[in-house]
Amino acid sequence: MNILLWVVLPYACLTVFVAGHIWRWRHDQFGWTTHTSQLLENRLLRLGSPLFHLGAFGVIGGHAMGLLIPAWLTEKAGVPEGLYHFVSVSAGTVTGVMLVAGLALLIARRFVSGRVRRATTTMDRILYVFLAAMVVLGMAATVGKNLLGGGYDYRETIAVWFRGIFWFRPHTELMTGAPLVYRLHAIGGFLFLALWPFTRLVHVWSAPLAYLWRPYVLYRARRAPAPTPPPAPVAVRDAARHPAPSERSR
């Protein structure tokens, strides 16, 4: 079972993640979009979307730092473990609360607005279920285990196993002693990666970064000549009574 969960499953999900994006790009480029519903409802989206995205950026950054940077490297950089743990838990809690609030608003607008609800696809519903499960497990690990509980140093176990996957040396024994909530969070994370290519999340890879260095677009107005005002009735009458010499010769 350990081999299935901590070796086979990660590699299978990563394979689907890569192959799924290639297939999606080759066969569904018109669907490679956010499928935005801003025109259908904007009040809740205007509040929920920034909270969700800012919280997601913070959570992803925290995961990348905790899983990819070894503990010895931060200690060598002069960051003691106590300070790292304090910053990690504090920042993780703040960004996690933002993510929860934003996700709750985005899910609520799917039920509150009838037009948005009718535009919601089956894959959208599956995506929101996975997101909600991942967020709940992540907050349970951060707040429940580290902030309110006795704490758990995942950098010595889960992070080592995670980095070993990319070196083709996953240490499955490190995951057997990890708390259940961390193991469920890890399994859910890889399943979420396998789901990613088939959802609207593919728009992440199409961020318009070129706009950061593209030249400015200048718009110049083409002003048409002012229209000639219509002649006054008196002028028309006088012109009819006293035609010009050229018109008399005709």
Protein backbone atom coordinates (compact mmCIF):
# COMPACT_ATOMS: atom_id res chain seq x y z
CA MET A 1 0.00 0.00 0.00
CA ASN A 2 2.88 2.39 0.77
CA ILE A 3 4.34 1.83 -2.69
CA LEU A 4 0.92 2.48 -4.27
CA LEU A 5 0.23 5.69 -2.33
CA TRP A 6 3.66 7.26 -2.14
CA VAL A 7 5.32 6.06 -5.38
CA VAL A 8 2.79 4.92 -7.99
CA LEU A 9 0.15 7.57 -7.29
CA PRO A 10 2.49 10.60 -7.45
CA TYR A 11 4.12 9.50 -10.71
CA ALA A 12 0.75 8.62 -12.27
CA CYS A 13 -0.71 12.00 -11.33
CA LEU A 14 2.34 13.89 -12.60
CA THR A 15 2.13 11.96 -15.88
CA VAL A 16 -1.54 12.88 -16.29
CA PHE A 17 -0.69 16.48 -15.38
CA VAL A 18 1.88 16.80 -18.18
CA ALA A 19 0.14 14.66 -20.81
CA GLY A 20 -3.24 16.23 -20.04
CA HIS A 21 -1.94 19.72 -20.71
CA ILE A 22 -0.41 18.63 -24.01
CA TRP A 23 -3.66 16.97 -25.07
CA ARG A 24 -5.73 19.96 -23.97
CA TRP A 25 -3.56 22.39 -25.92
CA ARG A 26 -3.65 20.29 -29.08
CA HIS A 27 -7.38 19.48 -29.05
CA ASP A 28 -9.11 22.21 -27.07
CA GLN A 29 -7.33 25.54 -27.49
CA PHE A 30 -10.64 27.38 -27.70
CA GLY A 31 -11.49 26.00 -24.26
CA TRP A 32 -8.14 27.13 -22.85
CA THR A 33 -9.69 30.06 -21.01
CA THR A 34 -11.03 31.16 -17.64
CA HIS A 35 -14.65 30.77 -18.79
CA THR A 36 -15.28 33.99 -16.93
CA SER A 37 -18.79 34.73 -15.70
CA GLN A 38 -18.09 38.36 -14.82
CA LEU A 39 -20.81 39.60 -17.15
CA LEU A 40 -23.35 37.39 -15.39
CA GLU A 41 -22.56 38.52 -11.83
CA ASN A 42 -19.93 40.99 -10.69
CA ARG A 43 -20.74 42.01 -7.11
CA LEU A 44 -19.55 38.84 -5.34
CA LEU A 45 -16.89 38.15 -7.95
CA ARG A 46 -15.31 41.56 -7.41
CA LEU A 47 -14.72 40.69 -3.74
CA GLY A 48 -14.18 36.93 -3.88
CA SER A 49 -11.78 36.73 -6.83
CA PRO A 50 -9.02 38.98 -5.38
CA LEU A 51 -9.24 37.23 -2.01
CA PHE A 52 -9.04 33.81 -3.62
CA HIS A 53 -6.16 34.64 -5.96
CA LEU A 54 -4.06 36.51 -3.41
CA GLY A 55 -4.61 33.74 -0.88
CA ALA A 56 -3.75 31.11 -3.48
CA PHE A 57 -0.52 32.88 -4.43
CA GLY A 58 0.50 33.01 -0.78
CA VAL A 59 -0.40 29.37 -0.13
CA ILE A 60 1.43 28.15 -3.24
CA GLY A 61 4.47 30.21 -2.33
CA GLY A 62 4.46 28.82 1.20
CA HIS A 63 4.18 25.25 -0.08
CA ALA A 64 7.02 25.79 -2.54
CA MET A 65 9.26 27.25 0.15
CA GLY A 66 8.51 24.57 2.70
CA LEU A 67 8.73 21.59 0.35
CA LEU A 68 11.52 22.58 -2.01
CA ILE A 69 13.96 24.42 0.29
CA PRO A 70 15.73 22.07 2.74
CA ALA A 71 15.88 22.99 6.40
CA TRP A 72 19.69 23.04 6.40
CA LEU A 73 19.67 25.69 3.67
CA THR A 74 17.53 28.14 5.64
CA GLU A 75 19.63 27.53 8.75
CA LYS A 76 22.77 28.18 6.73
CA ALA A 77 21.20 31.43 5.51
CA GLY A 78 20.87 32.55 9.14
CA VAL A 79 17.17 31.80 9.64
CA PRO A 80 16.69 29.76 12.83
CA GLU A 81 14.08 27.03 12.82
CA GLY A 82 11.95 28.79 15.43
CA LEU A 83 11.70 31.96 13.37
CA TYR A 84 10.98 30.00 10.21
CA HIS A 85 8.21 28.08 11.97
CA PHE A 86 6.67 31.27 13.34
CA VAL A 87 6.67 33.03 9.95
CA SER A 88 5.45 29.92 8.16
CA VAL A 89 2.50 29.33 10.47
CA SER A 90 1.56 33.02 10.69
CA ALA A 91 1.72 33.67 6.95
CA GLY A 92 0.06 30.34 6.21
CA THR A 93 -2.83 31.16 8.52
CA VAL A 94 -3.38 34.63 7.03
CA THR A 95 -3.21 33.50 3.41
CA GLY A 96 -5.28 30.42 4.27
CA VAL A 97 -8.05 32.56 5.73
CA MET A 98 -8.00 34.74 2.61
CA LEU A 99 -8.22 31.64 0.45
CA VAL A 100 -11.12 30.23 2.48
CA ALA A 101 -13.04 33.52 2.35
CA GLY A 102 -12.48 33.95 -1.38
CA LEU A 103 -13.41 30.36 -2.19
CA ALA A 104 -16.56 30.59 -0.05
CA LEU A 105 -17.67 33.71 -1.95
CA LEU A 106 -16.95 32.13 -5.32
CA ILE A 107 -18.91 29.01 -4.42
CA ALA A 108 -21.77 31.06 -2.94
CA ARG A 109 -22.23 33.09 -6.12
CA ARG A 110 -22.70 29.82 -8.00
CA PHE A 111 -25.82 29.23 -5.89
CA VAL A 112 -27.02 32.78 -5.36
CA SER A 113 -26.97 33.90 -8.99
CA GLY A 114 -29.23 31.89 -11.23
CA ARG A 115 -27.39 32.88 -14.39
CA VAL A 116 -24.03 31.84 -12.93
CA ARG A 117 -25.53 28.59 -11.66
CA ARG A 118 -26.84 27.73 -15.13
CA ALA A 119 -23.40 28.45 -16.62
CA THR A 120 -21.64 26.16 -14.10
CA THR A 121 -20.40 22.94 -15.69
CA THR A 122 -19.94 19.53 -14.13
CA MET A 123 -16.17 19.99 -14.19
CA ASP A 124 -16.59 23.29 -12.33
CA ARG A 125 -18.48 21.49 -9.56
CA ILE A 126 -15.81 18.79 -9.33
CA LEU A 127 -13.11 21.47 -9.22
CA TYR A 128 -14.81 23.33 -6.37
CA VAL A 129 -15.20 20.10 -4.39
CA PHE A 130 -11.49 19.34 -4.76
CA LEU A 131 -10.52 22.90 -3.90
CA ALA A 132 -12.72 22.93 -0.81
CA ALA A 133 -11.31 19.58 0.36
CA MET A 134 -7.73 20.72 -0.18
CA VAL A 135 -8.31 24.00 1.65
CA VAL A 136 -10.00 22.30 4.61
CA LEU A 137 -7.18 19.75 4.94
CA GLY A 138 -4.54 22.45 4.60
CA MET A 139 -6.13 24.66 7.24
CA ALA A 140 -6.53 21.66 9.53
CA ALA A 141 -2.81 20.95 9.21
CA THR A 142 -1.72 24.58 9.60
CA VAL A 143 -4.11 25.79 12.28
CA GLY A 144 -5.17 22.59 13.97
CA LYS A 145 -1.83 20.82 14.08
CA ASN A 146 0.75 23.62 14.12
CA LEU A 147 -1.00 26.65 15.60
CA LEU A 148 -3.30 25.03 18.15
CA GLY A 149 -1.71 21.61 18.47
CA GLY A 150 1.75 20.43 19.37
CA GLY A 151 3.17 21.14 15.93
CA TYR A 152 4.74 18.89 13.32
CA ASP A 153 7.99 19.43 11.42
CA TYR A 154 7.02 18.26 7.94
CA ARG A 155 10.31 19.55 6.49
CA GLU A 156 12.14 16.56 7.91
CA THR A 157 9.71 13.96 6.51
CA ILE A 158 7.14 15.01 3.90
CA ALA A 159 9.42 17.56 2.25
CA VAL A 160 12.23 15.02 1.92
CA TRP A 161 9.82 12.49 0.39
CA PHE A 162 8.45 15.12 -1.99
CA ARG A 163 11.87 16.18 -3.26
CA GLY A 164 12.84 12.53 -3.63
CA ILE A 165 10.05 12.05 -6.17
CA PHE A 166 11.84 14.30 -8.64
CA TRP A 167 15.13 12.53 -8.00
CA PHE A 168 13.39 9.15 -8.49
CA ARG A 169 14.23 8.22 -4.91
CA PRO A 170 11.00 8.68 -2.91
CA HIS A 171 11.49 7.57 0.69
CA THR A 172 8.13 5.98 1.43
CA GLU A 173 9.06 5.22 5.04
CA LEU A 174 9.01 8.94 5.81
CA MET A 175 5.29 9.13 5.05
CA THR A 176 4.15 6.26 7.23
CA GLY A 177 4.72 8.20 10.45
CA ALA A 178 3.25 11.48 9.23
CA PRO A 179 -0.06 12.64 10.76
CA LEU A 180 -3.17 11.53 8.89
CA VAL A 181 -4.16 15.05 7.89
CA TYR A 182 -0.80 15.59 6.21
CA ARG A 183 -1.03 12.30 4.35
CA LEU A 184 -4.54 13.08 3.13
CA HIS A 185 -3.40 16.54 2.09
CA ALA A 186 -0.51 15.06 0.10
CA ILE A 187 -2.74 12.51 -1.65
CA GLY A 188 -5.32 15.18 -2.41
CA GLY A 189 -2.64 17.47 -3.78
CA PHE A 190 -1.46 14.94 -6.37
CA LEU A 191 -5.04 14.05 -7.34
CA PHE A 192 -5.66 17.75 -7.76
CA LEU A 193 -2.69 17.98 -10.14
CA ALA A 194 -4.17 15.14 -12.20
CA LEU A 195 -7.47 17.01 -12.41
CA TRP A 196 -5.86 20.35 -13.30
CA PRO A 197 -5.48 19.97 -17.13
CA PHE A 198 -9.20 19.26 -17.58
CA THR A 199 -10.48 22.32 -15.73
CA ARG A 200 -10.45 26.08 -16.21
CA LEU A 201 -7.22 26.23 -14.19
CA VAL A 202 -5.25 25.85 -17.43
CA HIS A 203 -5.61 29.61 -17.85
CA VAL A 204 -2.82 29.94 -15.25
CA TRP A 205 -0.28 29.10 -17.97
CA SER A 206 -1.66 31.79 -20.27
CA ALA A 207 -0.98 34.76 -18.04
CA PRO A 208 -0.36 37.86 -20.21
CA LEU A 209 3.20 38.41 -18.99
CA ALA A 210 4.17 40.00 -22.32
CA TYR A 211 2.17 43.04 -21.32
CA LEU A 212 4.88 43.85 -18.77
CA TRP A 213 7.44 44.75 -21.43
CA ARG A 214 5.38 45.44 -24.56
CA PRO A 215 5.50 49.04 -25.86
CA TYR A 216 2.65 51.36 -25.13
CA VAL A 217 -0.17 51.50 -27.62
CA LEU A 218 -0.92 55.04 -28.71
CA TYR A 219 -4.44 55.93 -29.72
CA ARG A 220 -4.90 59.07 -31.83
CA ALA A 221 -8.32 60.48 -32.52
CA ARG A 222 -9.16 61.22 -36.14
CA ARG A 223 -11.09 64.44 -35.97
CA ALA A 224 -13.54 64.99 -38.81
CA PRO A 225 -14.15 68.54 -40.08
CA ALA A 226 -16.93 70.36 -38.37
CA PRO A 227 -20.22 69.94 -40.25
CA THR A 228 -21.52 72.96 -42.12
CA PRO A 229 -24.59 74.34 -40.41
CA PRO A 230 -27.76 74.33 -42.52
CA PRO A 231 -28.65 77.68 -44.10
CA ALA A 232 -31.21 79.83 -42.41
CA PRO A 233 -34.65 80.05 -44.06
CA VAL A 234 -34.14 83.76 -44.74
CA ALA A 235 -30.92 83.09 -46.64
CA VAL A 236 -32.65 80.41 -48.73
CA ARG A 237 -35.48 82.80 -49.61
CA ASP A 238 -33.09 85.62 -50.58
CA ALA A 239 -31.02 83.28 -52.72
CA ALA A 240 -34.16 82.22 -54.60
CA ARG A 241 -35.27 85.81 -55.23
CA HIS A 242 -31.85 87.10 -56.24
CA PRO A 243 -29.92 84.33 -58.04
CA ALA A 244 -26.25 84.74 -58.77
CA PRO A 245 -25.16 86.03 -62.23
CA SER A 246 -23.84 82.63 -63.25
CA GLU A 247 -27.23 81.05 -62.56
CA ARG A 248 -29.06 83.80 -64.61
CA SER A 249 -26.98 83.06 -67.67
CA ARG A 250 -28.16 79.48 -67.61
